[in-house]
Amino acid sequence: MDQTALRTALANAQQVYLALSTGGQAESLSYTQGDGTRSVTYTRANLADLAAAIQLMQAQLGIVRSPRKAFRLTFTRRS
């Protein structure tokens, strides 16, 4: 994917993430047309997977160095 397409995909993913996380994305819509009632159902994406995809695109574009890694704590015993 070239840089322009990757930036566009990143912007779209960020908009979807924002809409889903704030409740702005509808999951089920109903509307009436001249010949009757229609309904469309959207499924809610897994926000963690979407966030990971956003971080990966940012890393590919050089916006962030790499996706965040988990912290590991170690405890030492003092005598």
PDB file of N, CA and C in Angstrom:
ATOM      1  N   MET A   1       0.851  -1.160   0.000  1.00  0.00           N
ATOM      2  CA  MET A   1       0.000   0.000   0.000  1.00  0.00           C
ATOM      3  C   MET A   1       0.906   1.234   0.000  1.00  0.00           C
ATOM      4  N   ASP A   2       0.628   2.181  -0.868  1.00  0.00           N
ATOM      5  CA  ASP A   2       1.456   3.382  -0.923  1.00  0.00           C
ATOM      6  C   ASP A   2       1.098   4.327   0.231  1.00  0.00           C
ATOM      7  N   GLN A   3       1.926   5.346   0.441  1.00  0.00           N
ATOM      8  CA  GLN A   3       1.782   6.253   1.572  1.00  0.00           C
ATOM      9  C   GLN A   3       0.448   6.992   1.572  1.00  0.00           C
ATOM     10  N   THR A   4       0.000   7.421   0.403  1.00  0.00           N
ATOM     11  CA  THR A   4      -1.262   8.159   0.316  1.00  0.00           C
ATOM     12  C   THR A   4      -2.433   7.269   0.712  1.00  0.00           C
ATOM     13  N   ALA A   5      -2.480   6.062   0.177  1.00  0.00           N
ATOM     14  CA  ALA A   5      -3.560   5.131   0.516  1.00  0.00           C
ATOM     15  C   ALA A   5      -3.505   4.745   1.986  1.00  0.00           C
ATOM     16  N   LEU A   6      -2.305   4.586   2.525  1.00  0.00           N
ATOM     17  CA  LEU A   6      -2.155   4.224   3.935  1.00  0.00           C
ATOM     18  C   LEU A   6      -2.628   5.356   4.839  1.00  0.00           C
ATOM     19  N   ARG A   7      -2.320   6.591   4.473  1.00  0.00           N
ATOM     20  CA  ARG A   7      -2.797   7.747   5.260  1.00  0.00           C
ATOM     21  C   ARG A   7      -4.318   7.853   5.209  1.00  0.00           C
ATOM     22  N   THR A   8      -4.905   7.581   4.054  1.00  0.00           N
ATOM     23  CA  THR A   8      -6.362   7.609   3.924  1.00  0.00           C
ATOM     24  C   THR A   8      -6.999   6.511   4.772  1.00  0.00           C
ATOM     25  N   ALA A   9      -6.426   5.310   4.730  1.00  0.00           N
ATOM     26  CA  ALA A   9      -6.945   4.200   5.532  1.00  0.00           C
ATOM     27  C   ALA A   9      -6.824   4.506   7.023  1.00  0.00           C
ATOM     28  N   LEU A  10      -5.723   5.136   7.419  1.00  0.00           N
ATOM     29  CA  LEU A  10      -5.525   5.508   8.819  1.00  0.00           C
ATOM     30  C   LEU A  10      -6.578   6.519   9.263  1.00  0.00           C
ATOM     31  N   ALA A  11      -6.824   7.530   8.450  1.00  0.00           N
ATOM     32  CA  ALA A  11      -7.830   8.538   8.789  1.00  0.00           C
ATOM     33  C   ALA A  11      -9.214   7.908   8.916  1.00  0.00           C
ATOM     34  N   ASN A  12      -9.551   7.004   7.995  1.00  0.00           N
ATOM     35  CA  ASN A  12     -10.850   6.331   8.057  1.00  0.00           C
ATOM     36  C   ASN A  12     -10.968   5.469   9.302  1.00  0.00           C
ATOM     37  N   ALA A  13      -9.903   4.731   9.629  1.00  0.00           N
ATOM     38  CA  ALA A  13      -9.924   3.865  10.809  1.00  0.00           C
ATOM     39  C   ALA A  13     -10.062   4.692  12.088  1.00  0.00           C
ATOM     40  N   GLN A  14      -9.399   5.838  12.131  1.00  0.00           N
ATOM     41  CA  GLN A  14      -9.504   6.701  13.309  1.00  0.00           C
ATOM     42  C   GLN A  14     -10.917   7.270  13.455  1.00  0.00           C
ATOM     43  N   GLN A  15     -11.554   7.610  12.345  1.00  0.00           N
ATOM     44  CA  GLN A  15     -12.932   8.115  12.400  1.00  0.00           C
ATOM     45  C   GLN A  15     -13.887   7.036  12.885  1.00  0.00           C
ATOM     46  N   VAL A  16     -13.719   5.819  12.383  1.00  0.00           N
ATOM     47  CA  VAL A  16     -14.571   4.706  12.805  1.00  0.00           C
ATOM     48  C   VAL A  16     -14.351   4.406  14.279  1.00  0.00           C
ATOM     49  N   TYR A  17     -13.094   4.415  14.718  1.00  0.00           N
ATOM     50  CA  TYR A  17     -12.788   4.157  16.126  1.00  0.00           C
ATOM     51  C   TYR A  17     -13.470   5.188  17.013  1.00  0.00           C
ATOM     52  N   LEU A  18     -13.359   6.454  16.649  1.00  0.00           N
ATOM     53  CA  LEU A  18     -13.981   7.521  17.422  1.00  0.00           C
ATOM     54  C   LEU A  18     -15.497   7.362  17.455  1.00  0.00           C
ATOM     55  N   ALA A  19     -16.092   7.067  16.315  1.00  0.00           N
ATOM     56  CA  ALA A  19     -17.545   6.908  16.250  1.00  0.00           C
ATOM     57  C   ALA A  19     -18.019   5.721  17.095  1.00  0.00           C
ATOM     58  N   LEU A  20     -17.298   4.614  17.038  1.00  0.00           N
ATOM     59  CA  LEU A  20     -17.688   3.440  17.810  1.00  0.00           C
ATOM     60  C   LEU A  20     -17.466   3.633  19.305  1.00  0.00           C
ATOM     61  N   SER A  21     -16.357   4.244  19.661  1.00  0.00           N
ATOM     62  CA  SER A  21     -16.040   4.391  21.078  1.00  0.00           C
ATOM     63  C   SER A  21     -16.912   5.419  21.782  1.00  0.00           C
ATOM     64  N   THR A  22     -17.449   6.380  21.047  1.00  0.00           N
ATOM     65  CA  THR A  22     -18.308   7.395  21.654  1.00  0.00           C
ATOM     66  C   THR A  22     -19.788   7.096  21.473  1.00  0.00           C
ATOM     67  N   GLY A  23     -20.105   5.976  20.837  1.00  0.00           N
ATOM     68  CA  GLY A  23     -21.508   5.617  20.633  1.00  0.00           C
ATOM     69  C   GLY A  23     -22.137   6.326  19.453  1.00  0.00           C
ATOM     70  N   GLY A  24     -21.345   6.998  18.641  1.00  0.00           N
ATOM     71  CA  GLY A  24     -21.858   7.728  17.494  1.00  0.00           C
ATOM     72  C   GLY A  24     -22.179   6.846  16.305  1.00  0.00           C
ATOM     73  N   GLN A  25     -21.713   5.608  16.320  1.00  0.00           N
ATOM     74  CA  GLN A  25     -21.963   4.674  15.225  1.00  0.00           C
ATOM     75  C   GLN A  25     -23.214   3.856  15.561  1.00  0.00           C
ATOM     76  N   ALA A  26     -24.221   3.968  14.749  1.00  0.00           N
ATOM     77  CA  ALA A  26     -25.449   3.216  14.982  1.00  0.00           C
ATOM     78  C   ALA A  26     -25.247   1.753  14.609  1.00  0.00           C
ATOM     79  N   GLU A  27     -25.894   0.869  15.351  1.00  0.00           N
ATOM     80  CA  GLU A  27     -25.787  -0.548  15.047  1.00  0.00           C
ATOM     81  C   GLU A  27     -26.966  -1.045  14.233  1.00  0.00           C
ATOM     82  N   SER A  28     -28.112  -0.421  14.370  1.00  0.00           N
ATOM     83  CA  SER A  28     -29.286  -0.843  13.623  1.00  0.00           C
ATOM     84  C   SER A  28     -30.074   0.392  13.211  1.00  0.00           C
ATOM     85  N   LEU A  29     -30.379   0.482  11.938  1.00  0.00           N
ATOM     86  CA  LEU A  29     -31.126   1.620  11.407  1.00  0.00           C
ATOM     87  C   LEU A  29     -32.351   1.133  10.661  1.00  0.00           C
ATOM     88  N   SER A  30     -33.447   1.853  10.790  1.00  0.00           N
ATOM     89  CA  SER A  30     -34.652   1.551  10.033  1.00  0.00           C
ATOM     90  C   SER A  30     -35.106   2.821   9.332  1.00  0.00           C
ATOM     91  N   TYR A  31     -35.595   2.679   8.125  1.00  0.00           N
ATOM     92  CA  TYR A  31     -36.092   3.821   7.389  1.00  0.00           C
ATOM     93  C   TYR A  31     -37.205   3.348   6.465  1.00  0.00           C
ATOM     94  N   THR A  32     -38.029   4.287   6.010  1.00  0.00           N
ATOM     95  CA  THR A  32     -39.164   3.968   5.165  1.00  0.00           C
ATOM     96  C   THR A  32     -38.924   4.497   3.761  1.00  0.00           C
ATOM     97  N   GLN A  33     -39.138   3.618   2.786  1.00  0.00           N
ATOM     98  CA  GLN A  33     -39.082   4.030   1.392  1.00  0.00           C
ATOM     99  C   GLN A  33     -40.506   3.984   0.847  1.00  0.00           C
ATOM    100  N   GLY A  34     -40.668   4.364  -0.386  1.00  0.00           N
ATOM    101  CA  GLY A  34     -41.989   4.373  -0.998  1.00  0.00           C
ATOM    102  C   GLY A  34     -42.645   3.004  -1.011  1.00  0.00           C
ATOM    103  N   ASP A  35     -41.864   1.928  -1.113  1.00  0.00           N
ATOM    104  CA  ASP A  35     -42.442   0.594  -1.210  1.00  0.00           C
ATOM    105  C   ASP A  35     -42.442  -0.173   0.111  1.00  0.00           C
ATOM    106  N   GLY A  36     -42.054   0.459   1.210  1.00  0.00           N
ATOM    107  CA  GLY A  36     -42.082  -0.231   2.502  1.00  0.00           C
ATOM    108  C   GLY A  36     -40.930   0.161   3.404  1.00  0.00           C
ATOM    109  N   THR A  37     -40.853  -0.529   4.517  1.00  0.00           N
ATOM    110  CA  THR A  37     -39.826  -0.241   5.519  1.00  0.00           C
ATOM    111  C   THR A  37     -38.591  -1.083   5.275  1.00  0.00           C
ATOM    112  N   ARG A  38     -37.435  -0.474   5.384  1.00  0.00           N
ATOM    113  CA  ARG A  38     -36.154  -1.159   5.219  1.00  0.00           C
ATOM    114  C   ARG A  38     -35.374  -1.037   6.528  1.00  0.00           C
ATOM    115  N   SER A  39     -34.512  -1.993   6.788  1.00  0.00           N
ATOM    116  CA  SER A  39     -33.638  -1.873   7.953  1.00  0.00           C
ATOM    117  C   SER A  39     -32.242  -2.344   7.575  1.00  0.00           C
ATOM    118  N   VAL A  40     -31.269  -1.734   8.182  1.00  0.00           N
ATOM    119  CA  VAL A  40     -29.868  -2.075   7.966  1.00  0.00           C
ATOM    120  C   VAL A  40     -29.253  -2.290   9.343  1.00  0.00           C
ATOM    121  N   THR A  41     -28.475  -3.346   9.490  1.00  0.00           N
ATOM    122  CA  THR A  41     -27.827  -3.629  10.764  1.00  0.00           C
ATOM    123  C   THR A  41     -26.320  -3.597  10.585  1.00  0.00           C
ATOM    124  N   TYR A  42     -25.643  -2.853  11.447  1.00  0.00           N
ATOM    125  CA  TYR A  42     -24.192  -2.791  11.470  1.00  0.00           C
ATOM    126  C   TYR A  42     -23.713  -3.523  12.716  1.00  0.00           C
ATOM    127  N   THR A  43     -22.621  -4.219  12.604  1.00  0.00           N
ATOM    128  CA  THR A  43     -22.073  -4.879  13.782  1.00  0.00           C
ATOM    129  C   THR A  43     -20.969  -4.020  14.369  1.00  0.00           C
ATOM    130  N   ARG A  44     -20.870  -4.019  15.674  1.00  0.00           N
ATOM    131  CA  ARG A  44     -19.848  -3.229  16.365  1.00  0.00           C
ATOM    132  C   ARG A  44     -18.506  -3.944  16.248  1.00  0.00           C
ATOM    133  N   ALA A  45     -17.504  -3.237  15.765  1.00  0.00           N
ATOM    134  CA  ALA A  45     -16.173  -3.822  15.607  1.00  0.00           C
ATOM    135  C   ALA A  45     -15.512  -3.974  16.977  1.00  0.00           C
ATOM    136  N   ASN A  46     -14.571  -4.867  17.070  1.00  0.00           N
ATOM    137  CA  ASN A  46     -13.799  -5.023  18.294  1.00  0.00           C
ATOM    138  C   ASN A  46     -12.833  -3.842  18.377  1.00  0.00           C
ATOM    139  N   LEU A  47     -13.024  -2.991  19.367  1.00  0.00           N
ATOM    140  CA  LEU A  47     -12.229  -1.775  19.469  1.00  0.00           C
ATOM    141  C   LEU A  47     -10.745  -2.064  19.693  1.00  0.00           C
ATOM    142  N   ALA A  48     -10.427  -3.122  20.407  1.00  0.00           N
ATOM    143  CA  ALA A  48      -9.008  -3.455  20.639  1.00  0.00           C
ATOM    144  C   ALA A  48      -8.321  -3.820  19.329  1.00  0.00           C
ATOM    145  N   ASP A  49      -8.994  -4.608  18.482  1.00  0.00           N
ATOM    146  CA  ASP A  49      -8.417  -4.960  17.186  1.00  0.00           C
ATOM    147  C   ASP A  49      -8.261  -3.730  16.302  1.00  0.00           C
ATOM    148  N   LEU A  50      -9.252  -2.850  16.351  1.00  0.00           N
ATOM    149  CA  LEU A  50      -9.201  -1.628  15.556  1.00  0.00           C
ATOM    150  C   LEU A  50      -8.059  -0.724  16.041  1.00  0.00           C
ATOM    151  N   ALA A  51      -7.888  -0.622  17.349  1.00  0.00           N
ATOM    152  CA  ALA A  51      -6.797   0.188  17.899  1.00  0.00           C
ATOM    153  C   ALA A  51      -5.441  -0.388  17.494  1.00  0.00           C
ATOM    154  N   ALA A  52      -5.327  -1.705  17.492  1.00  0.00           N
ATOM    155  CA  ALA A  52      -4.070  -2.350  17.080  1.00  0.00           C
ATOM    156  C   ALA A  52      -3.783  -2.074  15.606  1.00  0.00           C
ATOM    157  N   ALA A  53      -4.809  -2.102  14.776  1.00  0.00           N
ATOM    158  CA  ALA A  53      -4.633  -1.810  13.352  1.00  0.00           C
ATOM    159  C   ALA A  53      -4.207  -0.361  13.140  1.00  0.00           C
ATOM    160  N   ILE A  54      -4.769   0.552  13.922  1.00  0.00           N
ATOM    161  CA  ILE A  54      -4.389   1.966  13.838  1.00  0.00           C
ATOM    162  C   ILE A  54      -2.930   2.135  14.231  1.00  0.00           C
ATOM    163  N   GLN A  55      -2.504   1.477  15.312  1.00  0.00           N
ATOM    164  CA  GLN A  55      -1.112   1.579  15.738  1.00  0.00           C
ATOM    165  C   GLN A  55      -0.164   1.007  14.690  1.00  0.00           C
ATOM    166  N   LEU A  56      -0.561  -0.077  14.051  1.00  0.00           N
ATOM    167  CA  LEU A  56       0.275  -0.676  13.012  1.00  0.00           C
ATOM    168  C   LEU A  56       0.430   0.278  11.823  1.00  0.00           C
ATOM    169  N   MET A  57      -0.670   0.897  11.406  1.00  0.00           N
ATOM    170  CA  MET A  57      -0.588   1.853  10.293  1.00  0.00           C
ATOM    171  C   MET A  57       0.274   3.045  10.667  1.00  0.00           C
ATOM    172  N   GLN A  58       0.159   3.518  11.915  1.00  0.00           N
ATOM    173  CA  GLN A  58       0.986   4.632  12.360  1.00  0.00           C
ATOM    174  C   GLN A  58       2.468   4.251  12.343  1.00  0.00           C
ATOM    175  N   ALA A  59       2.769   3.025  12.750  1.00  0.00           N
ATOM    176  CA  ALA A  59       4.155   2.563  12.728  1.00  0.00           C
ATOM    177  C   ALA A  59       4.675   2.469  11.301  1.00  0.00           C
ATOM    178  N   GLN A  60       3.843   1.994  10.374  1.00  0.00           N
ATOM    179  CA  GLN A  60       4.259   1.889   8.981  1.00  0.00           C
ATOM    180  C   GLN A  60       4.507   3.254   8.364  1.00  0.00           C
ATOM    181  N   LEU A  61       3.781   4.263   8.827  1.00  0.00           N
ATOM    182  CA  LEU A  61       3.961   5.620   8.317  1.00  0.00           C
ATOM    183  C   LEU A  61       5.075   6.365   9.044  1.00  0.00           C
ATOM    184  N   GLY A  62       5.593   5.783  10.114  1.00  0.00           N
ATOM    185  CA  GLY A  62       6.645   6.432  10.877  1.00  0.00           C
ATOM    186  C   GLY A  62       6.134   7.466  11.858  1.00  0.00           C
ATOM    187  N   ILE A  63       4.839   7.473  12.126  1.00  0.00           N
ATOM    188  CA  ILE A  63       4.262   8.419  13.079  1.00  0.00           C
ATOM    189  C   ILE A  63       4.664   8.033  14.498  1.00  0.00           C
ATOM    190  N   VAL A  64       4.635   6.749  14.789  1.00  0.00           N
ATOM    191  CA  VAL A  64       5.140   6.220  16.063  1.00  0.00           C
ATOM    192  C   VAL A  64       6.212   5.194  15.719  1.00  0.00           C
ATOM    193  N   ARG A  65       7.150   5.000  16.617  1.00  0.00           N
ATOM    194  CA  ARG A  65       8.250   4.086  16.322  1.00  0.00           C
ATOM    195  C   ARG A  65       7.782   2.647  16.164  1.00  0.00           C
ATOM    196  N   SER A  66       6.999   2.169  17.084  1.00  0.00           N
ATOM    197  CA  SER A  66       6.472   0.816  17.003  1.00  0.00           C
ATOM    198  C   SER A  66       5.261   0.734  17.906  1.00  0.00           C
ATOM    199  N   PRO A  67       4.383  -0.237  17.660  1.00  0.00           N
ATOM    200  CA  PRO A  67       3.234  -0.385  18.551  1.00  0.00           C
ATOM    201  C   PRO A  67       3.704  -0.614  19.988  1.00  0.00           C
ATOM    202  N   ARG A  68       2.927  -0.131  20.913  1.00  0.00           N
ATOM    203  CA  ARG A  68       3.291  -0.215  22.324  1.00  0.00           C
ATOM    204  C   ARG A  68       3.384  -1.657  22.788  1.00  0.00           C
ATOM    205  N   LYS A  69       4.431  -1.945  23.530  1.00  0.00           N
ATOM    206  CA  LYS A  69       4.629  -3.292  24.056  1.00  0.00           C
ATOM    207  C   LYS A  69       4.207  -3.331  25.516  1.00  0.00           C
ATOM    208  N   ALA A  70       3.846  -4.495  25.985  1.00  0.00           N
ATOM    209  CA  ALA A  70       3.410  -4.658  27.365  1.00  0.00           C
ATOM    210  C   ALA A  70       4.587  -4.446  28.317  1.00  0.00           C
ATOM    211  N   PHE A  71       4.290  -3.859  29.459  1.00  0.00           N
ATOM    212  CA  PHE A  71       5.293  -3.683  30.489  1.00  0.00           C
ATOM    213  C   PHE A  71       5.385  -4.960  31.313  1.00  0.00           C
ATOM    214  N   ARG A  72       6.586  -5.303  31.693  1.00  0.00           N
ATOM    215  CA  ARG A  72       6.773  -6.467  32.550  1.00  0.00           C
ATOM    216  C   ARG A  72       7.470  -5.998  33.817  1.00  0.00           C
ATOM    217  N   LEU A  73       6.825  -6.233  34.947  1.00  0.00           N
ATOM    218  CA  LEU A  73       7.396  -5.868  36.229  1.00  0.00           C
ATOM    219  C   LEU A  73       8.121  -7.063  36.823  1.00  0.00           C
ATOM    220  N   THR A  74       9.262  -6.793  37.432  1.00  0.00           N
ATOM    221  CA  THR A  74       9.976  -7.843  38.144  1.00  0.00           C
ATOM    222  C   THR A  74      10.223  -7.375  39.561  1.00  0.00           C
ATOM    223  N   PHE A  75      10.061  -8.270  40.479  1.00  0.00           N
ATOM    224  CA  PHE A  75      10.257  -7.955  41.884  1.00  0.00           C
ATOM    225  C   PHE A  75      11.476  -8.709  42.381  1.00  0.00           C
ATOM    226  N   THR A  76      12.272  -8.019  43.168  1.00  0.00           N
ATOM    227  CA  THR A  76      13.435  -8.671  43.756  1.00  0.00           C
ATOM    228  C   THR A  76      13.228  -8.764  45.269  1.00  0.00           C
ATOM    229  N   ARG A  77      13.730  -9.798  45.807  1.00  0.00           N
ATOM    230  CA  ARG A  77      13.574 -10.033  47.233  1.00  0.00           C
ATOM    231  C   ARG A  77      14.822  -9.564  47.953  1.00  0.00           C
ATOM    232  N   ARG A  78      14.624  -8.723  48.934  1.00  0.00           N
ATOM    233  CA  ARG A  78      15.758  -8.243  49.721  1.00  0.00           C
ATOM    234  C   ARG A  78      15.861  -9.077  50.991  1.00  0.00           C
ATOM    235  N   SER A  79      17.096  -9.352  51.374  1.00  0.00           N
ATOM    236  CA  SER A  79      17.267 -10.138  52.592  1.00  0.00           C
ATOM    237  C   SER A  79      17.515  -9.278  53.802  1.00  0.00           C
TER     238      SER A  79
END
